[in-house]
Structures are given as C-alpha cells and as structure tokens.
Amino acid sequence: MIYLQLLWSFLQIGLFSIGGGYAAMPLIQAQVVDHYGWLSMNEFIDLITIAEMTPGPIAVNSATFVGIRIAGFSGAVVATLGCIAPSLIIVSLLSYIYTKYRNLSTLQSVLGSLRPAVVALIASAGLSILLEVVFDGQAMVLDSVQWVGLCLFGAAFFILRRFKWNPILVMSLCGAAGLVLGLS
C-alpha cells in the first residue's frame, strides 16, 4: 500500500509541477508534510536544502529521499519513477507539438500566460520556507523571530543578487555561519 501511495503522490507532483523543481516545492510539501505526514516541516526544509545541493532536479531528488525514508530502496525507485514518468510523456508530446506549431501566436500566448503562475508557485514555496526559518514554526510574533536565520537569509539574498556567487558556495557559507553562531 505504501508503494501505491508513494507512486500516486509523486505522479501528482510530477504531473502538476509546471515550471520545474522550485514550482514543485509547494506540491511536495502538500503531499509529504500536509497530506501523508511523512515528514515534519523542519524535515521538509532539510529535504529541500539537501535536494538543492545534490546534482539533479529538486523534485526528483526529493522523491528519491522521501522514498528511501518511507520504504527503503524500492520506495525510492517507485517515488522517483512516479515523479519522472509524467514529464517523460508530456515532454515527448509537447516537443512534437511545439516543433509542428511553434510559429502560431496562440501557442506563444499560452506559454506567456503560464509564466505568472510559475512565479506565484515559486514565491509561495519560498515564503513558506522563509516563515518557517524566521519564526521556527511558532506564531508570527516579534519575540519568536530567529534573528540568525533572518540575517543569514538577508546576507545570502544580497550576495546572490548583487555578486552572483555560486549558490552552493553561499549555502555552504551560511551553513558554516549557522554552525558557528549556533555553537556560541
């Protein structure tokens, strides 16, 4: 039964995560944290961090991680296949359609109208993770603000936007700074 749940859950994520891995984050959260309760919100944030740092798409890395966590190696295979199967089918069909009809203005309008929805999905995922880091899952009051997390977020955001540093380097530096600041 767990294999069917993993397959169904990640088939949905693979099918409806239009816009890539970042757009999939709210869908992954809805399935693995909210619906099934396979991970807590803190574990989900760790999952996203690890999935971002490892090679490959975030959704596929997340599927593999959750599958291993829930049902071992076979669970990882089932979850990963569930995540990538819709993309394989859809991309094959879309590439055929796009090469045949790429010059139609209607197709360009449809593609243009999907962009704001993708941005909204990414912003939603980023905001929920930011709120979890800043308020550590507590009520959103000034007393519960995690100032180290907020400062690290601000510094990372500034460095990434202004200086265009490598994201893995910035994440590693933030991790080291969090470790040092957490130990003191």
C-alpha atoms as a PDB file:
ATOM      1  CA  MET A   1       0.000   0.000   0.000  1.00  0.00           C
ATOM      2  CA  ILE A   2       2.832   2.424   0.811  1.00  0.00           C
ATOM      3  CA  TYR A   3       4.263   1.901  -2.679  1.00  0.00           C
ATOM      4  CA  LEU A   4       0.960   2.903  -4.260  1.00  0.00           C
ATOM      5  CA  GLN A   5       0.805   5.974  -2.029  1.00  0.00           C
ATOM      6  CA  LEU A   6       4.353   6.948  -2.987  1.00  0.00           C
ATOM      7  CA  LEU A   7       3.661   6.352  -6.672  1.00  0.00           C
ATOM      8  CA  TRP A   8       0.369   8.253  -6.639  1.00  0.00           C
ATOM      9  CA  SER A   9       1.786  11.112  -4.589  1.00  0.00           C
ATOM     10  CA  PHE A  10       4.805  11.656  -6.825  1.00  0.00           C
ATOM     11  CA  LEU A  11       2.824  11.073 -10.017  1.00  0.00           C
ATOM     12  CA  GLN A  12       0.702  14.046  -8.962  1.00  0.00           C
ATOM     13  CA  ILE A  13       3.788  16.091  -8.174  1.00  0.00           C
ATOM     14  CA  GLY A  14       5.369  15.159 -11.494  1.00  0.00           C
ATOM     15  CA  LEU A  15       2.165  15.878 -13.368  1.00  0.00           C
ATOM     16  CA  PHE A  16       1.260  19.224 -11.812  1.00  0.00           C
ATOM     17  CA  SER A  17       4.651  20.812 -11.081  1.00  0.00           C
ATOM     18  CA  ILE A  18       4.679  23.012 -14.146  1.00  0.00           C
ATOM     19  CA  GLY A  19       7.753  25.201 -14.130  1.00  0.00           C
ATOM     20  CA  GLY A  20      10.334  22.875 -12.660  1.00  0.00           C
ATOM     21  CA  GLY A  21      11.621  21.958  -9.244  1.00  0.00           C
ATOM     22  CA  TYR A  22      11.021  25.228  -7.432  1.00  0.00           C
ATOM     23  CA  ALA A  23       7.418  25.245  -8.567  1.00  0.00           C
ATOM     24  CA  ALA A  24       7.113  21.684  -7.256  1.00  0.00           C
ATOM     25  CA  MET A  25       8.054  22.624  -3.691  1.00  0.00           C
ATOM     26  CA  PRO A  26       4.535  23.593  -2.559  1.00  0.00           C
ATOM     27  CA  LEU A  27       3.168  20.417  -4.148  1.00  0.00           C
ATOM     28  CA  ILE A  28       5.800  18.275  -2.450  1.00  0.00           C
ATOM     29  CA  GLN A  29       5.049  19.992   0.851  1.00  0.00           C
ATOM     30  CA  ALA A  30       1.323  19.417   0.407  1.00  0.00           C
ATOM     31  CA  GLN A  31       1.862  15.702  -0.206  1.00  0.00           C
ATOM     32  CA  VAL A  32       4.692  14.695   2.126  1.00  0.00           C
ATOM     33  CA  VAL A  33       4.075  17.100   5.032  1.00  0.00           C
ATOM     34  CA  ASP A  34       0.409  18.059   4.986  1.00  0.00           C
ATOM     35  CA  HIS A  35      -1.402  15.085   3.447  1.00  0.00           C
ATOM     36  CA  TYR A  36       0.587  11.992   4.428  1.00  0.00           C
ATOM     37  CA  GLY A  37       2.676  13.384   7.283  1.00  0.00           C
ATOM     38  CA  TRP A  38       5.768  11.513   6.089  1.00  0.00           C
ATOM     39  CA  LEU A  39       7.974  14.478   7.075  1.00  0.00           C
ATOM     40  CA  SER A  40       7.683  17.350   9.527  1.00  0.00           C
ATOM     41  CA  MET A  41       8.088  20.907   8.242  1.00  0.00           C
ATOM     42  CA  ASN A  42      11.645  21.057   9.617  1.00  0.00           C
ATOM     43  CA  GLU A  43      12.489  17.781   7.885  1.00  0.00           C
ATOM     44  CA  PHE A  44      10.934  19.160   4.692  1.00  0.00           C
ATOM     45  CA  ILE A  45      13.170  22.237   4.871  1.00  0.00           C
ATOM     46  CA  ASP A  46      16.185  19.956   5.338  1.00  0.00           C
ATOM     47  CA  LEU A  47      14.968  17.895   2.383  1.00  0.00           C
ATOM     48  CA  ILE A  48      14.789  20.967   0.146  1.00  0.00           C
ATOM     49  CA  THR A  49      18.269  22.038   1.263  1.00  0.00           C
ATOM     50  CA  ILE A  50      19.753  18.623   0.513  1.00  0.00           C
ATOM     51  CA  ALA A  51      17.812  18.288  -2.753  1.00  0.00           C
ATOM     52  CA  GLU A  52      19.124  21.693  -3.861  1.00  0.00           C
ATOM     53  CA  MET A  53      22.725  20.855  -3.028  1.00  0.00           C
ATOM     54  CA  THR A  54      22.792  17.472  -4.759  1.00  0.00           C
ATOM     55  CA  PRO A  55      23.015  17.104  -8.532  1.00  0.00           C
ATOM     56  CA  GLY A  56      19.747  16.741 -10.370  1.00  0.00           C
ATOM     57  CA  PRO A  57      16.260  18.229 -10.240  1.00  0.00           C
ATOM     58  CA  ILE A  58      14.850  19.125  -6.840  1.00  0.00           C
ATOM     59  CA  ALA A  59      11.617  17.181  -7.352  1.00  0.00           C
ATOM     60  CA  VAL A  60      13.432  14.003  -8.375  1.00  0.00           C
ATOM     61  CA  ASN A  61      15.930  14.298  -5.516  1.00  0.00           C
ATOM     62  CA  SER A  62      13.044  14.890  -3.115  1.00  0.00           C
ATOM     63  CA  ALA A  63      11.156  11.880  -4.438  1.00  0.00           C
ATOM     64  CA  THR A  64      14.218   9.690  -4.015  1.00  0.00           C
ATOM     65  CA  PHE A  65      14.840  10.952  -0.481  1.00  0.00           C
ATOM     66  CA  VAL A  66      11.228  10.549   0.638  1.00  0.00           C
ATOM     67  CA  GLY A  67      11.003   7.116  -0.990  1.00  0.00           C
ATOM     68  CA  ILE A  68      14.119   5.890   0.811  1.00  0.00           C
ATOM     69  CA  ARG A  69      12.900   7.358   4.081  1.00  0.00           C
ATOM     70  CA  ILE A  70       9.462   5.773   3.831  1.00  0.00           C
ATOM     71  CA  ALA A  71      10.076   2.406   2.118  1.00  0.00           C
ATOM     72  CA  GLY A  72      13.799   1.913   1.522  1.00  0.00           C
ATOM     73  CA  PHE A  73      15.457   1.444  -1.853  1.00  0.00           C
ATOM     74  CA  SER A  74      12.342   0.099  -3.591  1.00  0.00           C
ATOM     75  CA  GLY A  75      10.359   3.056  -2.263  1.00  0.00           C
ATOM     76  CA  ALA A  76      12.962   5.393  -3.751  1.00  0.00           C
ATOM     77  CA  VAL A  77      12.641   3.684  -7.130  1.00  0.00           C
ATOM     78  CA  VAL A  78       8.828   3.852  -7.063  1.00  0.00           C
ATOM     79  CA  ALA A  79       8.724   7.511  -5.950  1.00  0.00           C
ATOM     80  CA  THR A  80      11.363   8.555  -8.484  1.00  0.00           C
ATOM     81  CA  LEU A  81       9.610   6.769 -11.344  1.00  0.00           C
ATOM     82  CA  GLY A  82       6.329   8.340 -10.273  1.00  0.00           C
ATOM     83  CA  CYS A  83       7.951  11.758 -10.346  1.00  0.00           C
ATOM     84  CA  ILE A  84       9.609  11.447 -13.762  1.00  0.00           C
ATOM     85  CA  ALA A  85       7.022   9.415 -15.708  1.00  0.00           C
ATOM     86  CA  PRO A  86       4.622  12.329 -16.349  1.00  0.00           C
ATOM     87  CA  SER A  87       7.496  14.530 -17.517  1.00  0.00           C
ATOM     88  CA  LEU A  88       8.768  11.915 -19.928  1.00  0.00           C
ATOM     89  CA  ILE A  89       5.355  11.541 -21.525  1.00  0.00           C
ATOM     90  CA  ILE A  90       4.403  15.222 -21.504  1.00  0.00           C
ATOM     91  CA  VAL A  91       7.764  16.486 -22.804  1.00  0.00           C
ATOM     92  CA  SER A  92       7.707  13.967 -25.632  1.00  0.00           C
ATOM     93  CA  LEU A  93       4.225  15.092 -26.673  1.00  0.00           C
ATOM     94  CA  LEU A  94       4.972  18.791 -26.232  1.00  0.00           C
ATOM     95  CA  SER A  95       8.179  18.640 -28.225  1.00  0.00           C
ATOM     96  CA  TYR A  96       6.265  17.109 -31.116  1.00  0.00           C
ATOM     97  CA  ILE A  97       3.505  19.730 -30.870  1.00  0.00           C
ATOM     98  CA  TYR A  98       5.942  22.618 -30.409  1.00  0.00           C
ATOM     99  CA  THR A  99       8.069  21.711 -33.432  1.00  0.00           C
ATOM    100  CA  LYS A 100       4.918  21.394 -35.523  1.00  0.00           C
ATOM    101  CA  TYR A 101       3.144  24.572 -34.336  1.00  0.00           C
ATOM    102  CA  ARG A 102       5.856  26.825 -32.873  1.00  0.00           C
ATOM    103  CA  ASN A 103       5.052  29.799 -35.099  1.00  0.00           C
ATOM    104  CA  LEU A 104       1.407  30.136 -34.027  1.00  0.00           C
ATOM    105  CA  SER A 105       0.639  33.211 -31.934  1.00  0.00           C
ATOM    106  CA  THR A 106      -1.896  31.244 -29.880  1.00  0.00           C
ATOM    107  CA  LEU A 107       0.820  28.897 -28.654  1.00  0.00           C
ATOM    108  CA  GLN A 108       3.035  31.851 -27.725  1.00  0.00           C
ATOM    109  CA  SER A 109       0.120  33.402 -25.783  1.00  0.00           C
ATOM    110  CA  VAL A 110      -0.446  30.197 -23.811  1.00  0.00           C
ATOM    111  CA  LEU A 111       3.233  29.957 -22.917  1.00  0.00           C
ATOM    112  CA  GLY A 112       3.290  33.614 -21.881  1.00  0.00           C
ATOM    113  CA  SER A 113       0.273  33.177 -19.612  1.00  0.00           C
ATOM    114  CA  LEU A 114       1.893  30.292 -17.722  1.00  0.00           C
ATOM    115  CA  ARG A 115       4.847  32.402 -16.550  1.00  0.00           C
ATOM    116  CA  PRO A 116       2.977  34.350 -13.811  1.00  0.00           C
ATOM    117  CA  ALA A 117       1.548  31.123 -12.367  1.00  0.00           C
ATOM    118  CA  VAL A 118       5.017  29.606 -12.152  1.00  0.00           C
ATOM    119  CA  VAL A 119       6.371  32.714 -10.424  1.00  0.00           C
ATOM    120  CA  ALA A 120       3.494  32.557  -7.915  1.00  0.00           C
ATOM    121  CA  LEU A 121       4.247  28.896  -7.125  1.00  0.00           C
ATOM    122  CA  ILE A 122       7.921  29.641  -6.561  1.00  0.00           C
ATOM    123  CA  ALA A 123       7.133  32.676  -4.395  1.00  0.00           C
ATOM    124  CA  SER A 124       4.671  30.641  -2.332  1.00  0.00           C
ATOM    125  CA  ALA A 125       7.252  27.935  -1.638  1.00  0.00           C
ATOM    126  CA  GLY A 126       9.952  30.452  -0.805  1.00  0.00           C
ATOM    127  CA  LEU A 127       7.695  32.380   1.542  1.00  0.00           C
ATOM    128  CA  SER A 128       6.623  29.281   3.498  1.00  0.00           C
ATOM    129  CA  ILE A 129      10.226  28.192   3.931  1.00  0.00           C
ATOM    130  CA  LEU A 130      11.278  31.713   4.945  1.00  0.00           C
ATOM    131  CA  LEU A 131       8.495  31.923   7.541  1.00  0.00           C
ATOM    132  CA  GLU A 132       9.500  28.534   8.962  1.00  0.00           C
ATOM    133  CA  VAL A 133      13.146  29.604   9.230  1.00  0.00           C
ATOM    134  CA  VAL A 134      12.434  33.047  10.659  1.00  0.00           C
ATOM    135  CA  PHE A 135       9.719  32.009  13.126  1.00  0.00           C
ATOM    136  CA  ASP A 136      10.835  28.383  13.680  1.00  0.00           C
ATOM    137  CA  GLY A 137       7.283  27.070  13.317  1.00  0.00           C
ATOM    138  CA  GLN A 138       5.951  29.309  16.091  1.00  0.00           C
ATOM    139  CA  ALA A 139       3.391  32.101  15.996  1.00  0.00           C
ATOM    140  CA  MET A 140       4.458  35.072  13.932  1.00  0.00           C
ATOM    141  CA  VAL A 141       5.295  37.499  16.721  1.00  0.00           C
ATOM    142  CA  LEU A 142       8.396  39.605  17.177  1.00  0.00           C
ATOM    143  CA  ASP A 143       9.536  37.598  20.219  1.00  0.00           C
ATOM    144  CA  SER A 144       9.785  34.379  18.201  1.00  0.00           C
ATOM    145  CA  VAL A 145      11.949  35.771  15.383  1.00  0.00           C
ATOM    146  CA  GLN A 146      15.059  33.692  14.746  1.00  0.00           C
ATOM    147  CA  TRP A 147      17.450  36.578  14.091  1.00  0.00           C
ATOM    148  CA  VAL A 148      20.343  34.375  12.960  1.00  0.00           C
ATOM    149  CA  GLY A 149      18.159  32.780  10.285  1.00  0.00           C
ATOM    150  CA  LEU A 150      16.797  36.144   9.194  1.00  0.00           C
ATOM    151  CA  CYS A 151      20.277  37.691   8.963  1.00  0.00           C
ATOM    152  CA  LEU A 152      21.654  34.704   7.065  1.00  0.00           C
ATOM    153  CA  PHE A 153      18.715  34.919   4.667  1.00  0.00           C
ATOM    154  CA  GLY A 154      19.337  38.618   4.084  1.00  0.00           C
ATOM    155  CA  ALA A 155      23.063  38.139   3.577  1.00  0.00           C
ATOM    156  CA  ALA A 156      22.568  35.186   1.221  1.00  0.00           C
ATOM    157  CA  PHE A 157      19.936  37.042  -0.773  1.00  0.00           C
ATOM    158  CA  PHE A 158      22.151  40.107  -1.104  1.00  0.00           C
ATOM    159  CA  ILE A 159      25.239  38.111  -2.102  1.00  0.00           C
ATOM    160  CA  LEU A 160      23.340  36.023  -4.637  1.00  0.00           C
ATOM    161  CA  ARG A 161      21.614  39.007  -6.254  1.00  0.00           C
ATOM    162  CA  ARG A 162      24.451  41.565  -6.109  1.00  0.00           C
ATOM    163  CA  PHE A 163      27.561  39.467  -6.635  1.00  0.00           C
ATOM    164  CA  LYS A 164      26.088  36.413  -8.404  1.00  0.00           C
ATOM    165  CA  TRP A 165      28.065  33.949  -6.283  1.00  0.00           C
ATOM    166  CA  ASN A 166      27.641  30.226  -6.742  1.00  0.00           C
ATOM    167  CA  PRO A 167      24.518  29.155  -4.761  1.00  0.00           C
ATOM    168  CA  ILE A 168      26.240  26.065  -3.362  1.00  0.00           C
ATOM    169  CA  LEU A 169      29.081  28.222  -2.029  1.00  0.00           C
ATOM    170  CA  VAL A 170      26.585  30.627  -0.436  1.00  0.00           C
ATOM    171  CA  MET A 171      24.638  27.733   1.130  1.00  0.00           C
ATOM    172  CA  SER A 172      27.859  26.219   2.466  1.00  0.00           C
ATOM    173  CA  LEU A 173      28.952  29.552   3.934  1.00  0.00           C
ATOM    174  CA  CYS A 174      25.522  30.057   5.531  1.00  0.00           C
ATOM    175  CA  GLY A 175      25.680  26.540   6.960  1.00  0.00           C
ATOM    176  CA  ALA A 176      29.112  27.207   8.422  1.00  0.00           C
ATOM    177  CA  ALA A 177      27.995  30.568   9.818  1.00  0.00           C
ATOM    178  CA  GLY A 178      24.887  28.959  11.319  1.00  0.00           C
ATOM    179  CA  LEU A 179      27.037  26.291  12.922  1.00  0.00           C
ATOM    180  CA  VAL A 180      29.460  28.822  14.377  1.00  0.00           C
ATOM    181  CA  LEU A 181      26.691  31.143  15.567  1.00  0.00           C
ATOM    182  CA  GLY A 182      24.675  28.226  16.933  1.00  0.00           C
ATOM    183  CA  LEU A 183      27.615  26.964  18.997  1.00  0.00           C
ATOM    184  CA  SER A 184      28.363  30.320  20.569  1.00  0.00           C
END
